[in-house]
Amino acid sequence: MKISIKCNANEVKASIEGVIGRMKSLRKPLSDAARHFKTSVRENFDKGGRFSSAGSIEGGSSNWNGLKYPRLTASGKKSSNQRPLLKSGLLRRSIYSRVVGNGIEMGSPLEYAAIHNFGGKTRPHEIKAKHGKALKFFPGGAGSKAVFRSTSKKPFKHPGSLIPARPFLVLQPSDLEYFKQRLLSHIIGC
């Protein structure tokens, strides 16, 4: 039995040139991945976490710590929304993802986004009561004894708050697999 393989050098050259040409312009697969990543990060808010460990961008099965103290309505009753990082939804809506060069940039422009993602302690600052004549805060952070201060004469110097890490800017393994497949399809021209 005789086997023969014939290759047309012009066809091989054209295929290779096609791959090289598609690799020069990765904008389409990067744009698709950026949209996909943004949707996935927003889903992290809906699911209450989906991270592997604090400080990692790798997704996983861990959920954020719940709220130590319930949110209250203006009338002092417990609010129906007790999900962390979703008080107004502004942080979730602020997530952006865009193509920059041959990469993808993701984040949030909000000043408080980083401390919620990585955790930390806020700086001491002055606070005043918006309504009423007293303030309630927890000087040792969440879980410490509540302290009440009168603000009828002057603002009060708050010592700062301990914010737990609630990683939201993470990607799931399925997101990275989507990106690999999308990039490969683009390069080979499928």
Protein backbone atom coordinates (compact mmCIF):
# COMPACT_ATOMS: atom_id res chain seq x y z
CA MET A 1 0.00 0.00 0.00
CA LYS A 2 1.40 3.33 -1.06
CA ILE A 3 0.59 6.61 0.73
CA SER A 4 1.35 9.99 -0.68
CA ILE A 5 0.76 13.47 0.63
CA LYS A 6 0.86 16.43 -1.64
CA CYS A 7 1.13 19.98 -0.39
CA ASN A 8 0.73 23.04 -2.44
CA ALA A 9 3.28 25.53 -1.14
CA ASN A 10 1.14 28.47 -2.24
CA GLU A 11 -1.85 27.22 -0.22
CA VAL A 12 0.32 26.63 2.87
CA LYS A 13 1.86 30.09 2.47
CA ALA A 14 -1.60 31.68 2.11
CA SER A 15 -2.82 29.88 5.26
CA ILE A 16 0.19 31.04 7.27
CA GLU A 17 -0.16 34.60 6.00
CA GLY A 18 -3.84 34.49 7.00
CA VAL A 19 -2.94 33.43 10.54
CA ILE A 20 -0.28 36.16 10.77
CA GLY A 21 -2.75 38.77 9.49
CA ARG A 22 -5.42 37.74 12.00
CA MET A 23 -2.87 37.83 14.84
CA LYS A 24 -2.05 41.46 13.99
CA SER A 25 -5.64 42.49 14.68
CA LEU A 26 -6.98 40.95 17.88
CA ARG A 27 -9.52 43.71 18.51
CA LYS A 28 -12.60 41.57 17.77
CA PRO A 29 -11.81 38.63 20.11
CA LEU A 30 -10.56 41.03 22.79
CA SER A 31 -13.76 43.09 22.54
CA ASP A 32 -15.87 39.93 22.82
CA ALA A 33 -13.87 38.78 25.86
CA ALA A 34 -14.09 42.23 27.50
CA ARG A 35 -17.91 42.16 27.24
CA HIS A 36 -17.96 38.59 28.56
CA PHE A 37 -15.66 39.46 31.51
CA LYS A 38 -17.75 42.50 32.46
CA THR A 39 -20.89 40.36 32.55
CA SER A 40 -19.11 37.75 34.67
CA VAL A 41 -17.83 40.32 37.20
CA ARG A 42 -21.32 41.79 37.53
CA GLU A 43 -22.60 38.27 38.17
CA ASN A 44 -20.16 38.07 41.10
CA PHE A 45 -22.29 40.76 42.78
CA ASP A 46 -25.50 38.86 42.06
CA LYS A 47 -24.06 35.62 43.51
CA GLY A 48 -22.51 37.31 46.56
CA GLY A 49 -18.91 36.43 45.78
CA ARG A 50 -17.49 33.62 43.61
CA PHE A 51 -13.82 34.09 44.57
CA SER A 52 -10.98 31.72 45.50
CA SER A 53 -9.05 33.81 48.04
CA ALA A 54 -8.63 37.45 49.02
CA GLY A 55 -6.09 39.18 46.77
CA SER A 56 -6.47 36.69 43.92
CA ILE A 57 -8.16 37.43 40.59
CA GLU A 58 -9.07 33.76 40.24
CA GLY A 59 -12.74 32.97 40.74
CA GLY A 60 -13.96 30.17 42.92
CA SER A 61 -16.72 29.02 45.22
CA SER A 62 -16.19 31.32 48.22
CA ASN A 63 -18.85 33.89 49.04
CA TRP A 64 -18.37 37.28 50.68
CA ASN A 65 -18.87 37.71 54.40
CA GLY A 66 -22.37 38.92 55.18
CA LEU A 67 -23.14 42.26 56.79
CA LYS A 68 -22.26 42.41 60.50
CA TYR A 69 -25.01 44.91 61.17
CA PRO A 70 -28.30 45.00 59.30
CA ARG A 71 -29.10 47.94 57.06
CA LEU A 72 -31.92 50.02 58.41
CA THR A 73 -34.51 52.10 56.58
CA ALA A 74 -35.05 55.77 57.43
CA SER A 75 -37.80 54.69 59.84
CA GLY A 76 -35.34 52.42 61.70
CA LYS A 77 -36.75 49.11 60.43
CA LYS A 78 -34.54 46.40 58.95
CA SER A 79 -34.08 46.91 55.20
CA SER A 80 -35.03 44.08 52.85
CA ASN A 81 -31.66 44.48 51.03
CA GLN A 82 -29.00 42.81 53.18
CA ARG A 83 -26.62 41.74 50.39
CA PRO A 84 -23.04 43.09 50.70
CA LEU A 85 -21.88 45.64 48.09
CA LEU A 86 -25.40 46.07 46.70
CA LYS A 87 -26.85 48.89 48.80
CA SER A 88 -27.48 51.13 45.78
CA GLY A 89 -25.99 49.00 42.98
CA LEU A 90 -23.66 51.84 41.94
CA LEU A 91 -20.47 49.80 42.43
CA ARG A 92 -21.86 46.93 40.32
CA ARG A 93 -22.95 49.32 37.56
CA SER A 94 -19.58 51.13 37.59
CA ILE A 95 -17.63 48.06 36.44
CA TYR A 96 -15.98 48.68 33.07
CA SER A 97 -14.02 46.45 30.74
CA ARG A 98 -12.27 47.74 27.63
CA VAL A 99 -9.63 46.83 25.10
CA VAL A 100 -6.33 48.65 25.59
CA GLY A 101 -3.69 47.78 22.99
CA ASN A 102 -3.44 43.99 22.91
CA GLY A 103 -5.01 43.55 26.34
CA ILE A 104 -8.13 44.11 28.40
CA GLU A 105 -8.45 46.61 31.24
CA MET A 106 -11.13 46.11 33.89
CA GLY A 107 -12.04 48.05 37.00
CA SER A 108 -14.24 50.67 38.59
CA PRO A 109 -13.64 54.43 38.75
CA LEU A 110 -15.29 54.69 42.18
CA GLU A 111 -13.01 55.84 44.99
CA TYR A 112 -14.20 53.13 47.36
CA ALA A 113 -14.00 50.20 44.91
CA ALA A 114 -10.46 49.11 45.88
CA ILE A 115 -11.07 48.96 49.63
CA HIS A 116 -14.15 46.80 49.11
CA ASN A 117 -12.29 44.49 46.71
CA PHE A 118 -9.08 44.15 48.79
CA GLY A 119 -10.23 45.13 52.30
CA GLY A 120 -8.45 47.56 54.60
CA LYS A 121 -8.99 50.36 57.09
CA THR A 122 -10.43 53.76 56.27
CA ARG A 123 -8.67 56.90 57.46
CA PRO A 124 -9.91 58.79 60.50
CA HIS A 125 -12.38 61.45 59.43
CA GLU A 126 -14.94 63.91 60.79
CA ILE A 127 -18.60 62.96 60.71
CA LYS A 128 -21.78 64.86 61.49
CA ALA A 129 -25.27 63.57 62.03
CA LYS A 130 -27.51 64.24 59.03
CA HIS A 131 -30.67 63.80 61.06
CA GLY A 132 -30.88 63.94 64.83
CA LYS A 133 -28.28 64.88 67.40
CA ALA A 134 -26.27 61.70 67.91
CA LEU A 135 -24.05 59.30 66.00
CA LYS A 136 -23.59 55.56 66.45
CA PHE A 137 -20.38 53.90 65.29
CA PHE A 138 -18.11 50.95 66.11
CA PRO A 139 -14.56 52.16 66.93
CA GLY A 140 -13.03 48.67 66.92
CA GLY A 141 -14.62 47.84 63.59
CA ALA A 142 -17.50 45.52 62.87
CA GLY A 143 -18.31 43.38 65.88
CA SER A 144 -16.99 45.82 68.48
CA LYS A 145 -19.10 47.62 71.07
CA ALA A 146 -21.25 50.47 69.72
CA VAL A 147 -20.36 54.01 70.81
CA PHE A 148 -22.77 56.95 70.75
CA ARG A 149 -21.58 60.57 70.48
CA SER A 150 -23.54 63.78 70.63
CA THR A 151 -22.98 66.08 67.66
CA SER A 152 -25.11 68.96 68.78
CA LYS A 153 -22.04 71.20 69.28
CA LYS A 154 -19.42 70.00 66.79
CA PRO A 155 -18.54 67.19 64.33
CA PHE A 156 -17.03 64.01 65.76
CA LYS A 157 -13.66 62.53 64.72
CA HIS A 158 -14.36 58.96 63.57
CA PRO A 159 -11.30 56.70 64.08
CA GLY A 160 -11.77 54.80 60.80
CA SER A 161 -13.48 51.52 59.92
CA LEU A 162 -12.19 48.02 59.16
CA ILE A 163 -13.55 46.90 55.78
CA PRO A 164 -13.39 43.16 55.04
CA ALA A 165 -12.12 42.04 51.62
CA ARG A 166 -14.97 41.15 49.30
CA PRO A 167 -13.21 40.36 46.00
CA PHE A 168 -15.55 41.18 43.13
CA LEU A 169 -13.02 41.83 40.36
CA VAL A 170 -12.33 38.14 39.71
CA LEU A 171 -12.73 35.88 36.68
CA GLN A 172 -14.03 32.34 36.73
CA PRO A 173 -12.11 29.47 35.08
CA SER A 174 -14.93 29.28 32.50
CA ASP A 175 -14.29 32.94 31.58
CA LEU A 176 -10.64 32.22 30.84
CA GLU A 177 -11.61 29.14 28.82
CA TYR A 178 -14.06 31.28 26.81
CA PHE A 179 -11.25 33.75 26.09
CA LYS A 180 -8.84 31.01 24.96
CA GLN A 181 -11.44 29.48 22.64
CA ARG A 182 -12.47 32.87 21.21
CA LEU A 183 -8.83 33.81 20.55
CA LEU A 184 -8.04 30.44 18.97
CA SER A 185 -11.12 30.60 16.71
CA HIS A 186 -10.10 34.08 15.56
CA ILE A 187 -6.50 33.09 14.83
CA ILE A 188 -7.27 29.95 12.85
CA GLY A 189 -10.12 31.69 11.05
CA CYS A 190 -13.11 29.60 12.15
